C-alpha atoms as a PDB file:
ATOM      1  CA  MET A   1     129.224 105.234 138.797  1.00  0.00           C
ATOM      2  CA  ALA A   2     129.860 108.548 140.484  1.00  0.00           C
ATOM      3  CA  ARG A   3     132.968 107.337 142.949  1.00  0.00           C
ATOM      4  CA  VAL A   4     135.002 105.486 140.172  1.00  0.00           C
ATOM      5  CA  ALA A   5     134.439 108.143 137.849  1.00  0.00           C
ATOM      6  CA  GLY A   6     135.659 110.021 141.141  1.00  0.00           C
ATOM      7  CA  VAL A   7     132.559 113.093 140.270  1.00  0.00           C
ATOM      8  CA  SER A   8     129.170 113.456 141.040  1.00  0.00           C
ATOM      9  CA  THR A   9     126.174 111.697 141.028  1.00  0.00           C
ATOM     10  CA  ALA A  10     124.532 115.060 139.544  1.00  0.00           C
ATOM     11  CA  VAL A  11     127.639 114.943 137.074  1.00  0.00           C
ATOM     12  CA  VAL A  12     126.691 111.068 135.988  1.00  0.00           C
ATOM     13  CA  SER A  13     123.315 111.819 135.413  1.00  0.00           C
ATOM     14  CA  TYR A  14     124.438 114.798 132.874  1.00  0.00           C
ATOM     15  CA  ALA A  15     126.680 112.742 131.116  1.00  0.00           C
ATOM     16  CA  LEU A  16     125.007 109.904 131.211  1.00  0.00           C
ATOM     17  CA  ASN A  17     121.653 111.719 129.598  1.00  0.00           C
ATOM     18  CA  ASP A  18     123.811 114.164 127.671  1.00  0.00           C
ATOM     19  CA  ARG A  19     122.644 117.505 128.947  1.00  0.00           C
ATOM     20  CA  ARG A  20     124.882 120.445 129.005  1.00  0.00           C
ATOM     21  CA  GLY A  21     127.432 121.763 132.017  1.00  0.00           C
ATOM     22  CA  VAL A  22     129.749 119.060 132.010  1.00  0.00           C
ATOM     23  CA  SER A  23     133.241 118.934 129.654  1.00  0.00           C
ATOM     24  CA  VAL A  24     134.059 116.783 126.875  1.00  0.00           C
ATOM     25  CA  ALA A  25     136.469 115.031 129.329  1.00  0.00           C
ATOM     26  CA  THR A  26     134.362 114.255 132.162  1.00  0.00           C
ATOM     27  CA  ARG A  27     131.584 113.042 129.684  1.00  0.00           C
ATOM     28  CA  GLU A  28     133.645 111.151 128.511  1.00  0.00           C
ATOM     29  CA  ARG A  29     135.143 109.242 131.352  1.00  0.00           C
ATOM     30  CA  VAL A  30     131.578 108.852 133.116  1.00  0.00           C
ATOM     31  CA  LEU A  31     130.650 106.842 129.718  1.00  0.00           C
ATOM     32  CA  ARG A  32     133.740 105.126 129.758  1.00  0.00           C
ATOM     33  CA  VAL A  33     133.488 104.139 133.382  1.00  0.00           C
ATOM     34  CA  ALA A  34     129.781 103.401 132.536  1.00  0.00           C
ATOM     35  CA  ASP A  35     130.826 100.754 130.209  1.00  0.00           C
ATOM     36  CA  GLU A  36     132.812  99.512 132.052  1.00  0.00           C
ATOM     37  CA  LEU A  37     130.040  98.692 134.389  1.00  0.00           C
ATOM     38  CA  GLY A  38     127.793  97.045 132.303  1.00  0.00           C
ATOM     39  CA  TRP A  39     125.661 100.170 132.968  1.00  0.00           C
ATOM     40  CA  ARG A  40     122.377  99.687 130.692  1.00  0.00           C
ATOM     41  CA  PRO A  41     119.483 102.373 131.240  1.00  0.00           C
ATOM     42  CA  ASN A  42     115.997 101.564 132.692  1.00  0.00           C
ATOM     43  CA  PRO A  43     113.100 101.465 130.604  1.00  0.00           C
ATOM     44  CA  ALA A  44     110.913 102.027 133.674  1.00  0.00           C
ATOM     45  CA  ALA A  45     112.595 104.338 135.756  1.00  0.00           C
ATOM     46  CA  ARG A  46     112.749 106.507 132.538  1.00  0.00           C
ATOM     47  CA  SER A  47     108.614 106.536 132.290  1.00  0.00           C
ATOM     48  CA  MET A  48     108.006 106.912 135.969  1.00  0.00           C
ATOM     49  CA  ARG A  49     109.894 109.771 135.938  1.00  0.00           C
ATOM     50  CA  ALA A  50     108.484 111.388 132.431  1.00  0.00           C
ATOM     51  CA  GLY A  51     105.272 109.353 131.795  1.00  0.00           C
ATOM     52  CA  ALA A  52     105.174 106.693 129.299  1.00  0.00           C
ATOM     53  CA  GLN A  53     105.458 108.284 125.581  1.00  0.00           C
ATOM     54  CA  ALA A  54     104.784 105.790 122.937  1.00  0.00           C
ATOM     55  CA  VAL A  55     101.566 103.713 122.350  1.00  0.00           C
ATOM     56  CA  GLY A  56     102.739  99.895 121.817  1.00  0.00           C
ATOM     57  CA  LEU A  57     101.291  98.757 117.972  1.00  0.00           C
ATOM     58  CA  ALA A  58     103.105  94.667 117.673  1.00  0.00           C
ATOM     59  CA  VAL A  59     101.880  93.888 114.158  1.00  0.00           C
ATOM     60  CA  VAL A  60     102.410  89.973 113.255  1.00  0.00           C
ATOM     61  CA  ALA A  61     104.312  89.544 110.255  1.00  0.00           C
ATOM     62  CA  GLY A  62     102.336  89.745 107.006  1.00  0.00           C
ATOM     63  CA  GLU A  63      99.374  91.130 108.425  1.00  0.00           C
ATOM     64  CA  THR A  64      98.269  94.191 106.868  1.00  0.00           C
ATOM     65  CA  LEU A  65      96.187  97.007 109.551  1.00  0.00           C
ATOM     66  CA  HIS A  66      92.262  95.983 108.200  1.00  0.00           C
ATOM     67  CA  GLY A  67      93.608  95.314 104.922  1.00  0.00           C
ATOM     68  CA  ALA A  68      95.638  98.550 104.760  1.00  0.00           C
ATOM     69  CA  PRO A  69      99.403  98.610 104.270  1.00  0.00           C
ATOM     70  CA  VAL A  70     101.022  98.745 107.807  1.00  0.00           C
ATOM     71  CA  LEU A  71     103.049 102.088 107.204  1.00  0.00           C
ATOM     72  CA  ASP A  72     100.748 104.072 105.292  1.00  0.00           C
ATOM     73  CA  VAL A  73      98.215 103.450 108.641  1.00  0.00           C
ATOM     74  CA  VAL A  74     101.044 104.412 111.439  1.00  0.00           C
ATOM     75  CA  ALA A  75     102.084 107.064 109.447  1.00  0.00           C
ATOM     76  CA  ALA A  76      98.660 109.032 109.488  1.00  0.00           C
ATOM     77  CA  PHE A  77      98.392 107.844 113.137  1.00  0.00           C
ATOM     78  CA  GLN A  78     102.201 109.249 114.115  1.00  0.00           C
ATOM     79  CA  ARG A  79     101.216 112.455 112.482  1.00  0.00           C
ATOM     80  CA  GLU A  80      97.903 112.887 114.785  1.00  0.00           C
ATOM     81  CA  LEU A  81     100.104 111.833 117.589  1.00  0.00           C
ATOM     82  CA  LEU A  82     102.802 114.325 117.379  1.00  0.00           C
ATOM     83  CA  PRO A  83     100.896 117.144 118.734  1.00  0.00           C
ATOM     84  CA  ARG A  84     100.081 115.542 122.240  1.00  0.00           C
ATOM     85  CA  GLY A  85     103.891 114.540 122.379  1.00  0.00           C
ATOM     86  CA  LEU A  86     103.382 110.765 121.911  1.00  0.00           C
ATOM     87  CA  GLY A  87     105.067 108.329 119.133  1.00  0.00           C
ATOM     88  CA  VAL A  88     104.266 104.814 117.995  1.00  0.00           C
ATOM     89  CA  ASP A  89     106.397 101.918 118.933  1.00  0.00           C
ATOM     90  CA  LEU A  90     106.018  99.984 116.283  1.00  0.00           C
ATOM     91  CA  ARG A  91     107.275  95.965 116.472  1.00  0.00           C
ATOM     92  CA  VAL A  92     106.613  93.234 114.328  1.00  0.00           C
ATOM     93  CA  VAL A  93     106.409  89.896 115.750  1.00  0.00           C
ATOM     94  CA  ALA A  94     105.867  86.040 114.690  1.00  0.00           C
ATOM     95  CA  ASP A  95     102.703  85.699 115.818  1.00  0.00           C
ATOM     96  CA  VAL A  96     100.124  86.245 118.705  1.00  0.00           C
ATOM     97  CA  ALA A  97     101.627  84.689 121.191  1.00  0.00           C
ATOM     98  CA  ALA A  98     104.437  87.054 120.381  1.00  0.00           C
ATOM     99  CA  ALA A  99     102.847  89.732 120.967  1.00  0.00           C
ATOM    100  CA  ALA A 100     101.327  88.739 124.254  1.00  0.00           C
ATOM    101  CA  GLU A 101     104.421  88.192 125.332  1.00  0.00           C
ATOM    102  CA  LEU A 102     105.677  91.637 124.120  1.00  0.00           C
ATOM    103  CA  TYR A 103     102.783  92.990 125.771  1.00  0.00           C
ATOM    104  CA  ARG A 104     104.628  92.302 129.235  1.00  0.00           C
ATOM    105  CA  ARG A 105     107.417  93.229 129.023  1.00  0.00           C
ATOM    106  CA  TRP A 106     106.031  96.728 127.775  1.00  0.00           C
ATOM    107  CA  GLY A 107     103.840  96.472 130.694  1.00  0.00           C
ATOM    108  CA  ALA A 108     106.408  95.519 133.443  1.00  0.00           C
ATOM    109  CA  GLU A 109     108.933  97.982 132.352  1.00  0.00           C
ATOM    110  CA  ARG A 110     106.358 100.882 131.628  1.00  0.00           C
ATOM    111  CA  ARG A 111     106.989 101.571 128.287  1.00  0.00           C
ATOM    112  CA  CYS A 112     103.617 101.765 127.289  1.00  0.00           C
ATOM    113  CA  ASP A 113     100.176 103.314 128.755  1.00  0.00           C
ATOM    114  CA  VAL A 114      98.105 102.304 125.582  1.00  0.00           C
ATOM    115  CA  VAL A 115      98.462  99.403 122.765  1.00  0.00           C
ATOM    116  CA  VAL A 116      96.778  98.779 119.552  1.00  0.00           C
ATOM    117  CA  VAL A 117      95.343  95.293 119.386  1.00  0.00           C
ATOM    118  CA  PRO A 118      95.094  94.723 115.407  1.00  0.00           C
ATOM    119  CA  GLU A 119      93.105  92.214 113.475  1.00  0.00           C
ATOM    120  CA  VAL A 120      91.746  90.712 116.836  1.00  0.00           C
ATOM    121  CA  ARG A 121      90.700  87.095 116.298  1.00  0.00           C
ATOM    122  CA  ASP A 122      88.069  84.962 118.184  1.00  0.00           C
ATOM    123  CA  ASP A 123      88.795  84.485 121.600  1.00  0.00           C
ATOM    124  CA  ASP A 124      92.022  86.831 120.966  1.00  0.00           C
ATOM    125  CA  VAL A 125      94.486  86.285 124.402  1.00  0.00           C
ATOM    126  CA  ARG A 126      95.850  89.350 123.888  1.00  0.00           C
ATOM    127  CA  LEU A 127      93.066  91.206 125.193  1.00  0.00           C
ATOM    128  CA  ARG A 128      93.357  89.484 128.445  1.00  0.00           C
ATOM    129  CA  VAL A 129      97.484  89.620 128.457  1.00  0.00           C
ATOM    130  CA  ALA A 130      97.370  93.815 127.923  1.00  0.00           C
ATOM    131  CA  THR A 131      94.853  94.392 130.652  1.00  0.00           C
ATOM    132  CA  ASP A 132      96.312  91.733 132.888  1.00  0.00           C
ATOM    133  CA  ALA A 133      99.737  93.814 131.851  1.00  0.00           C
ATOM    134  CA  GLY A 134      98.509  97.311 133.415  1.00  0.00           C
ATOM    135  CA  LEU A 135      98.050  98.274 129.734  1.00  0.00           C
ATOM    136  CA  ARG A 136      94.795 100.022 128.269  1.00  0.00           C
ATOM    137  CA  PRO A 137      94.436  98.288 124.617  1.00  0.00           C
ATOM    138  CA  VAL A 138      92.326 100.096 122.083  1.00  0.00           C
ATOM    139  CA  VAL A 139      91.077  97.490 119.854  1.00  0.00           C
ATOM    140  CA  VAL A 140      90.687  97.468 115.515  1.00  0.00           C
ATOM    141  CA  GLY A 141      87.801  95.872 114.566  1.00  0.00           C
ATOM    142  CA  PRO A 142      84.160  95.259 113.243  1.00  0.00           C
ATOM    143  CA  THR A 143      81.196  96.576 115.016  1.00  0.00           C
ATOM    144  CA  GLU A 144      80.653  95.484 118.412  1.00  0.00           C
ATOM    145  CA  VAL A 145      83.845  93.845 118.645  1.00  0.00           C
ATOM    146  CA  ALA A 146      85.515  93.589 122.203  1.00  0.00           C
ATOM    147  CA  PRO A 147      82.788  95.080 124.215  1.00  0.00           C
ATOM    148  CA  GLY A 148      84.053  96.672 127.466  1.00  0.00           C
ATOM    149  CA  LEU A 149      87.046  97.715 125.230  1.00  0.00           C
ATOM    150  CA  ALA A 150      88.254 100.726 123.229  1.00  0.00           C
ATOM    151  CA  ALA A 151      87.997 100.515 120.509  1.00  0.00           C
ATOM    152  CA  VAL A 152      87.878 101.658 116.285  1.00  0.00           C
ATOM    153  CA  GLU A 153      84.979  99.906 114.461  1.00  0.00           C
ATOM    154  CA  VAL A 154      85.060  99.321 111.161  1.00  0.00           C
ATOM    155  CA  ASP A 155      82.395  98.443 109.679  1.00  0.00           C
ATOM    156  CA  ASP A 156      83.219  95.921 107.145  1.00  0.00           C
ATOM    157  CA  GLU A 157      79.754  94.260 107.002  1.00  0.00           C
ATOM    158  CA  ASP A 158      77.558  97.343 105.518  1.00  0.00           C
ATOM    159  CA  ALA A 159      81.276  97.434 102.925  1.00  0.00           C
ATOM    160  CA  TYR A 160      80.581  94.005 101.287  1.00  0.00           C
ATOM    161  CA  ALA A 161      76.930  93.957 101.406  1.00  0.00           C
ATOM    162  CA  ARG A 162      77.263  97.295  99.140  1.00  0.00           C
ATOM    163  CA  VAL A 163      79.859  95.192  96.925  1.00  0.00           C
ATOM    164  CA  ALA A 164      77.379  92.426  96.870  1.00  0.00           C
ATOM    165  CA  ARG A 165      74.325  94.573  95.736  1.00  0.00           C
ATOM    166  CA  TYR A 166      76.724  95.956  93.240  1.00  0.00           C
ATOM    167  CA  LEU A 167      77.919  92.714  91.830  1.00  0.00           C
ATOM    168  CA  ALA A 168      74.080  91.350  91.617  1.00  0.00           C
ATOM    169  CA  SER A 169      73.136  94.908  89.988  1.00  0.00           C
ATOM    170  CA  LEU A 170      75.704  93.420  87.319  1.00  0.00           C
ATOM    171  CA  GLY A 171      73.762  90.258  86.960  1.00  0.00           C
ATOM    172  CA  HIS A 172      76.096  88.163  88.718  1.00  0.00           C
ATOM    173  CA  VAL A 173      74.225  84.801  90.430  1.00  0.00           C
ATOM    174  CA  ARG A 174      77.708  82.948  91.536  1.00  0.00           C
ATOM    175  CA  ILE A 175      80.324  84.715  94.063  1.00  0.00           C
ATOM    176  CA  ALA A 176      83.019  83.969  95.900  1.00  0.00           C
ATOM    177  CA  LEU A 177      84.770  85.347  98.590  1.00  0.00           C
ATOM    178  CA  VAL A 178      88.273  84.683  99.151  1.00  0.00           C
ATOM    179  CA  ALA A 179      88.845  85.614 102.536  1.00  0.00           C
ATOM    180  CA  ASP A 180      91.385  86.258 105.040  1.00  0.00           C
ATOM    181  CA  PRO A 181      91.511  83.482 108.000  1.00  0.00           C
ATOM    182  CA  THR A 182      88.648  82.165 109.947  1.00  0.00           C
ATOM    183  CA  ASP A 183      89.668  82.516 113.126  1.00  0.00           C
ATOM    184  CA  ARG A 184      89.819  86.964 112.228  1.00  0.00           C
ATOM    185  CA  LEU A 185      86.747  89.067 113.347  1.00  0.00           C
ATOM    186  CA  ARG A 186      86.807  90.357 110.407  1.00  0.00           C
ATOM    187  CA  THR A 187      86.472  87.724 108.146  1.00  0.00           C
ATOM    188  CA  ALA A 188      83.005  86.843 109.805  1.00  0.00           C
ATOM    189  CA  ALA A 189      81.536  90.442 109.534  1.00  0.00           C
ATOM    190  CA  CYS A 190      82.773  90.736 105.331  1.00  0.00           C
ATOM    191  CA  GLU A 191      80.687  87.515 105.161  1.00  0.00           C
ATOM    192  CA  ARG A 192      78.143  88.734 107.002  1.00  0.00           C
ATOM    193  CA  GLY A 193      77.516  91.424 104.848  1.00  0.00           C
ATOM    194  CA  LEU A 194      77.988  89.625 101.572  1.00  0.00           C
ATOM    195  CA  ARG A 195      74.725  86.949 102.802  1.00  0.00           C
ATOM    196  CA  ALA A 196      72.943  89.859 104.557  1.00  0.00           C
ATOM    197  CA  ALA A 197      72.531  91.252 100.715  1.00  0.00           C
ATOM    198  CA  THR A 198      72.342  88.296  98.979  1.00  0.00           C
ATOM    199  CA  GLN A 199      69.730  86.288 101.096  1.00  0.00           C
ATOM    200  CA  ASP A 200      66.628  86.269  99.119  1.00  0.00           C
ATOM    201  CA  GLY A 201      68.139  83.372  97.257  1.00  0.00           C
ATOM    202  CA  THR A 202      68.636  84.602  93.628  1.00  0.00           C
ATOM    203  CA  VAL A 203      72.166  85.053  94.411  1.00  0.00           C
ATOM    204  CA  ALA A 204      74.653  81.504  94.892  1.00  0.00           C
ATOM    205  CA  LEU A 205      77.663  83.024  97.486  1.00  0.00           C
ATOM    206  CA  GLU A 206      80.724  80.930  98.330  1.00  0.00           C
ATOM    207  CA  ILE A 207      83.025  81.762 100.547  1.00  0.00           C
ATOM    208  CA  VAL A 208      87.218  80.626 100.458  1.00  0.00           C
ATOM    209  CA  PRO A 209      89.271  80.893 104.133  1.00  0.00           C
ATOM    210  CA  THR A 210      92.781  81.023 103.238  1.00  0.00           C
ATOM    211  CA  ASP A 211      95.676  81.657 105.019  1.00  0.00           C
ATOM    212  CA  GLY A 212      96.173  85.465 104.302  1.00  0.00           C
ATOM    213  CA  THR A 213      98.870  84.932 101.959  1.00  0.00           C
ATOM    214  CA  VAL A 214      99.257  85.840  98.267  1.00  0.00           C
ATOM    215  CA  GLU A 215      99.683  82.181  97.025  1.00  0.00           C
ATOM    216  CA  GLY A 216      97.049  81.093  99.626  1.00  0.00           C
ATOM    217  CA  ALA A 217      94.603  83.412  97.547  1.00  0.00           C
ATOM    218  CA  ALA A 218      96.051  82.708  94.088  1.00  0.00           C
ATOM    219  CA  GLY A 219      95.403  78.715  95.295  1.00  0.00           C
ATOM    220  CA  ALA A 220      91.980  79.746  96.257  1.00  0.00           C
ATOM    221  CA  THR A 221      91.368  81.054  93.164  1.00  0.00           C
ATOM    222  CA  ARG A 222      92.691  78.855  90.510  1.00  0.00           C
ATOM    223  CA  ARG A 223      90.365  76.274  92.632  1.00  0.00           C
ATOM    224  CA  LEU A 224      87.449  78.238  92.263  1.00  0.00           C
ATOM    225  CA  LEU A 225      88.040  78.841  88.728  1.00  0.00           C
ATOM    226  CA  THR A 226      89.272  75.431  87.594  1.00  0.00           C
ATOM    227  CA  GLN A 227      85.894  73.989  88.981  1.00  0.00           C
ATOM    228  CA  ALA A 228      83.018  72.603  87.360  1.00  0.00           C
ATOM    229  CA  VAL A 229      80.824  75.498  87.824  1.00  0.00           C
ATOM    230  CA  ARG A 230      82.600  78.795  88.123  1.00  0.00           C
ATOM    231  CA  PRO A 231      81.877  81.956  90.308  1.00  0.00           C
ATOM    232  CA  THR A 232      81.258  84.802  87.793  1.00  0.00           C
ATOM    233  CA  ALA A 233      82.827  86.970  90.338  1.00  0.00           C
ATOM    234  CA  VAL A 234      85.704  87.065  92.915  1.00  0.00           C
ATOM    235  CA  VAL A 235      85.649  89.051  96.081  1.00  0.00           C
ATOM    236  CA  LEU A 236      88.925  89.377  97.394  1.00  0.00           C
ATOM    237  CA  ALA A 237      90.282  90.352 101.061  1.00  0.00           C
ATOM    238  CA  THR A 238      92.922  92.780  99.793  1.00  0.00           C
ATOM    239  CA  ASP A 239      94.681  94.433  97.116  1.00  0.00           C
ATOM    240  CA  VAL A 240      97.732  91.957  96.284  1.00  0.00           C
ATOM    241  CA  MET A 241      95.038  89.172  97.153  1.00  0.00           C
ATOM    242  CA  ALA A 242      93.293  90.341  94.095  1.00  0.00           C
ATOM    243  CA  LEU A 243      96.686  91.030  92.017  1.00  0.00           C
ATOM    244  CA  ALA A 244      96.839  87.455  92.067  1.00  0.00           C
ATOM    245  CA  ALA A 245      93.485  86.693  90.908  1.00  0.00           C
ATOM    246  CA  LEU A 246      93.729  88.917  88.016  1.00  0.00           C
ATOM    247  CA  ASP A 247      96.789  86.411  87.389  1.00  0.00           C
ATOM    248  CA  VAL A 248      95.344  82.832  88.363  1.00  0.00           C
ATOM    249  CA  ALA A 249      92.761  84.280  85.320  1.00  0.00           C
ATOM    250  CA  ARG A 250      94.772  85.077  82.499  1.00  0.00           C
ATOM    251  CA  ARG A 251      97.275  81.955  83.323  1.00  0.00           C
ATOM    252  CA  THR A 252      93.466  79.679  83.381  1.00  0.00           C
ATOM    253  CA  GLY A 253      92.705  81.163  79.700  1.00  0.00           C
ATOM    254  CA  LEU A 254      89.774  83.453  81.296  1.00  0.00           C
ATOM    255  CA  VAL A 255      89.567  87.176  80.565  1.00  0.00           C
ATOM    256  CA  VAL A 256      88.899  89.870  83.527  1.00  0.00           C
ATOM    257  CA  PRO A 257      86.140  91.055  83.481  1.00  0.00           C
ATOM    258  CA  TRP A 258      84.407  89.737  80.793  1.00  0.00           C
ATOM    259  CA  ASP A 259      84.408  86.057  82.079  1.00  0.00           C
ATOM    260  CA  VAL A 260      84.935  86.704  85.657  1.00  0.00           C
ATOM    261  CA  SER A 261      84.914  90.350  87.652  1.00  0.00           C
ATOM    262  CA  VAL A 262      87.377  90.725  90.562  1.00  0.00           C
ATOM    263  CA  VAL A 263      86.696  92.973  92.851  1.00  0.00           C
ATOM    264  CA  ALA A 264      89.622  93.822  95.825  1.00  0.00           C
ATOM    265  CA  GLY A 265      88.606  94.990  99.505  1.00  0.00           C
ATOM    266  CA  ALA A 266      91.121  97.308  99.521  1.00  0.00           C
ATOM    267  CA  ASP A 267      92.029  99.854  97.328  1.00  0.00           C
ATOM    268  CA  SER A 268      96.422 100.938  96.545  1.00  0.00           C
ATOM    269  CA  VAL A 269      98.134 102.331  93.995  1.00  0.00           C
ATOM    270  CA  LEU A 270      98.838  98.688  92.754  1.00  0.00           C
ATOM    271  CA  CYS A 271      95.097  98.468  91.789  1.00  0.00           C
ATOM    272  CA  ARG A 272      94.879 101.730  89.627  1.00  0.00           C
ATOM    273  CA  LEU A 273      97.838 100.508  87.533  1.00  0.00           C
ATOM    274  CA  ALA A 274      96.906  96.608  86.918  1.00  0.00           C
ATOM    275  CA  THR A 275      95.396  95.884  83.653  1.00  0.00           C
ATOM    276  CA  PRO A 276      92.611  95.928  83.785  1.00  0.00           C
ATOM    277  CA  ALA A 277      92.695  98.316  86.549  1.00  0.00           C
ATOM    278  CA  LEU A 278      90.754  96.917  89.629  1.00  0.00           C
ATOM    279  CA  THR A 279      87.303  97.770  91.133  1.00  0.00           C
ATOM    280  CA  SER A 280      87.989  98.574  95.089  1.00  0.00           C
ATOM    281  CA  LEU A 281      86.957  99.784  98.209  1.00  0.00           C
ATOM    282  CA  PRO A 282      88.971 102.323  99.747  1.00  0.00           C
ATOM    283  CA  SER A 283      92.189 102.034 101.690  1.00  0.00           C
ATOM    284  CA  LEU A 284      91.427 102.707 104.944  1.00  0.00           C
ATOM    285  CA  ALA A 285      95.389 103.842 105.988  1.00  0.00           C
ATOM    286  CA  THR A 286      94.377 107.572 106.636  1.00  0.00           C
ATOM    287  CA  ASP A 287      91.539 107.388 108.036  1.00  0.00           C
ATOM    288  CA  LEU A 288      92.489 104.358 110.444  1.00  0.00           C
ATOM    289  CA  GLY A 289      95.677 106.444 111.173  1.00  0.00           C
ATOM    290  CA  GLU A 290      93.369 109.086 112.383  1.00  0.00           C
ATOM    291  CA  ALA A 291      90.559 107.430 113.852  1.00  0.00           C
ATOM    292  CA  LEU A 292      92.796 105.130 115.651  1.00  0.00           C
ATOM    293  CA  ALA A 293      94.859 108.408 117.326  1.00  0.00           C
ATOM    294  CA  ARG A 294      91.388 109.825 118.625  1.00  0.00           C
ATOM    295  CA  ALA A 295      90.638 106.347 120.562  1.00  0.00           C
ATOM    296  CA  VAL A 296      94.092 106.702 121.933  1.00  0.00           C
ATOM    297  CA  THR A 297      93.817 110.368 122.777  1.00  0.00           C
ATOM    298  CA  GLY A 298      90.488 109.568 123.998  1.00  0.00           C
ATOM    299  CA  THR A 299      91.515 106.904 125.969  1.00  0.00           C
ATOM    300  CA  LEU A 300      94.440 108.573 127.472  1.00  0.00           C
ATOM    301  CA  ASP A 301      92.047 111.092 128.563  1.00  0.00           C
ATOM    302  CA  ALA A 302      89.254 109.301 130.366  1.00  0.00           C
ATOM    303  CA  ALA A 303      88.706 109.588 133.794  1.00  0.00           C
ATOM    304  CA  ALA A 304      88.088 106.468 135.932  1.00  0.00           C
ATOM    305  CA  GLY A 305      84.694 105.375 135.513  1.00  0.00           C
ATOM    306  CA  ASP A 306      84.112 106.505 132.281  1.00  0.00           C
ATOM    307  CA  PRO A 307      82.727 104.036 129.301  1.00  0.00           C
ATOM    308  CA  PRO A 308      85.582 103.242 126.599  1.00  0.00           C
ATOM    309  CA  VAL A 309      86.179 104.870 123.684  1.00  0.00           C
ATOM    310  CA  ARG A 310      84.294 103.698 120.682  1.00  0.00           C
ATOM    311  CA  VAL A 311      85.353 105.133 117.510  1.00  0.00           C
ATOM    312  CA  PRO A 312      83.139 104.202 114.632  1.00  0.00           C
ATOM    313  CA  LEU A 313      84.954 103.914 111.301  1.00  0.00           C
ATOM    314  CA  ALA A 314      82.657 103.636 108.003  1.00  0.00           C
ATOM    315  CA  VAL A 315      84.496 102.169 104.735  1.00  0.00           C
ATOM    316  CA  GLY A 316      83.695 104.961 101.580  1.00  0.00           C
ATOM    317  CA  ALA A 317      82.031 103.928  97.951  1.00  0.00           C
ATOM    318  CA  LEU A 318      83.385 101.076  95.737  1.00  0.00           C
ATOM    319  CA  ALA A 319      85.529 102.821  93.222  1.00  0.00           C
ATOM    320  CA  VAL A 320      84.650 101.194  89.727  1.00  0.00           C
ATOM    321  CA  ARG A 321      86.824 100.266  87.521  1.00  0.00           C
ATOM    322  CA  GLY A 322      88.100  97.983  84.503  1.00  0.00           C
ATOM    323  CA  SER A 323      88.210  94.577  86.721  1.00  0.00           C
ATOM    324  CA  THR A 324      84.334  94.451  86.733  1.00  0.00           C
ATOM    325  CA  SER A 325      81.386  94.521  84.379  1.00  0.00           C
ATOM    326  CA  PRO A 326      77.494  93.181  83.338  1.00  0.00           C
ATOM    327  CA  GLN A 327      77.895  89.486  83.059  1.00  0.00           C
ATOM    328  CA  ALA A 328      76.623  88.195  79.934  1.00  0.00           C
ATOM    329  CA  HIS A 329      74.153  85.514  79.554  1.00  0.00           C
END
C-alpha cells in the first residue's frame, strides 16, 4: 500500500489510524489506495497491540438478563467498567448455538478476554466453547452455577421462597408459577424456592413452564384460570408475563386481586403503572450490572492459579402493591 501511494509505511499507518502528522491530501490518497486494494483492519492485530478492550456479551433475542431489561443491565455494567477503559461488545443472536459460534470468532480475533454468559441452560454448550476459544467466561445464574468458573450467583431460591411465604401468610393454598423454559437453571432455582417454602403440605403448588414469551405466559395463565380448580395466586417470571396475566384475568371475568393474586418476578415501571399495580420482586438491573463488573474486573486481575471469582447477589424485598390480597374463604 505504501509503494502504490508513494509514501512510507509509517505515513500509511498514521493515515489509516487518523493520527496527526499527515496532510489532508496524503491521507486521502492513502485511503483511496486502501479502498482500491480492498484493505480492511485486522481486529486480531489491533488486539495484540493494545490488548482486548471490550467484554463480550451475546444475548439471545427476546431474552432478559435474569429478568431485567438488557439495556438497563448493560448501562450499569458499562458505567462500572469505564474507569478500567473497558467497553461492552453487546450482540443479539438467534440462539445459544449462534452465541457459541460468536465466541469462537471472538477468540480467534482476540476481540475479548472475558465474555458474560447469561441465562445459563442445562449442559450449556457456551461454557465449553468459550473456554476452548481461550476466553474467560463469567456466568450469570443461581447459587452454585457452573462450578470452577467465575460467576455472579443470584439467589433466586431465597427470593421465591419469600414470595411463597408471603402468599401463604395471606391465606393462599393454591399457588402456580408460570415459569421460563425448563432448561434454564434459573427456572429450577425458582421452583426449588417455592417448594422449600410450601413443603409442609398446606399449600398446593403447580409449576407451568413456558417458552419465555408473553404469548406463552398468556396461554399458560389462561389454562390455569379456566381449569376446574384454579390457583388463587399466580407468580410469573417477568414483569411483561405478569402484565399478560392481568389481561387474561380481566378477559376471563376475574378481578385481581380479589379472585386471583398476581406477583411479578421482576419489577419495572410497567408494574407500577399497571392497574392494579403489580406486587413484584425488585429489578436486578443496576445490582446485576455492578456485580458483573466486579466479577469481570476480578477475573482480569486474578493471577494464574487463583480460584474463580464468585460474586453473590441477593434479591431484595418484595414490593407489595395492589395485585395481591388476602384470599377470601
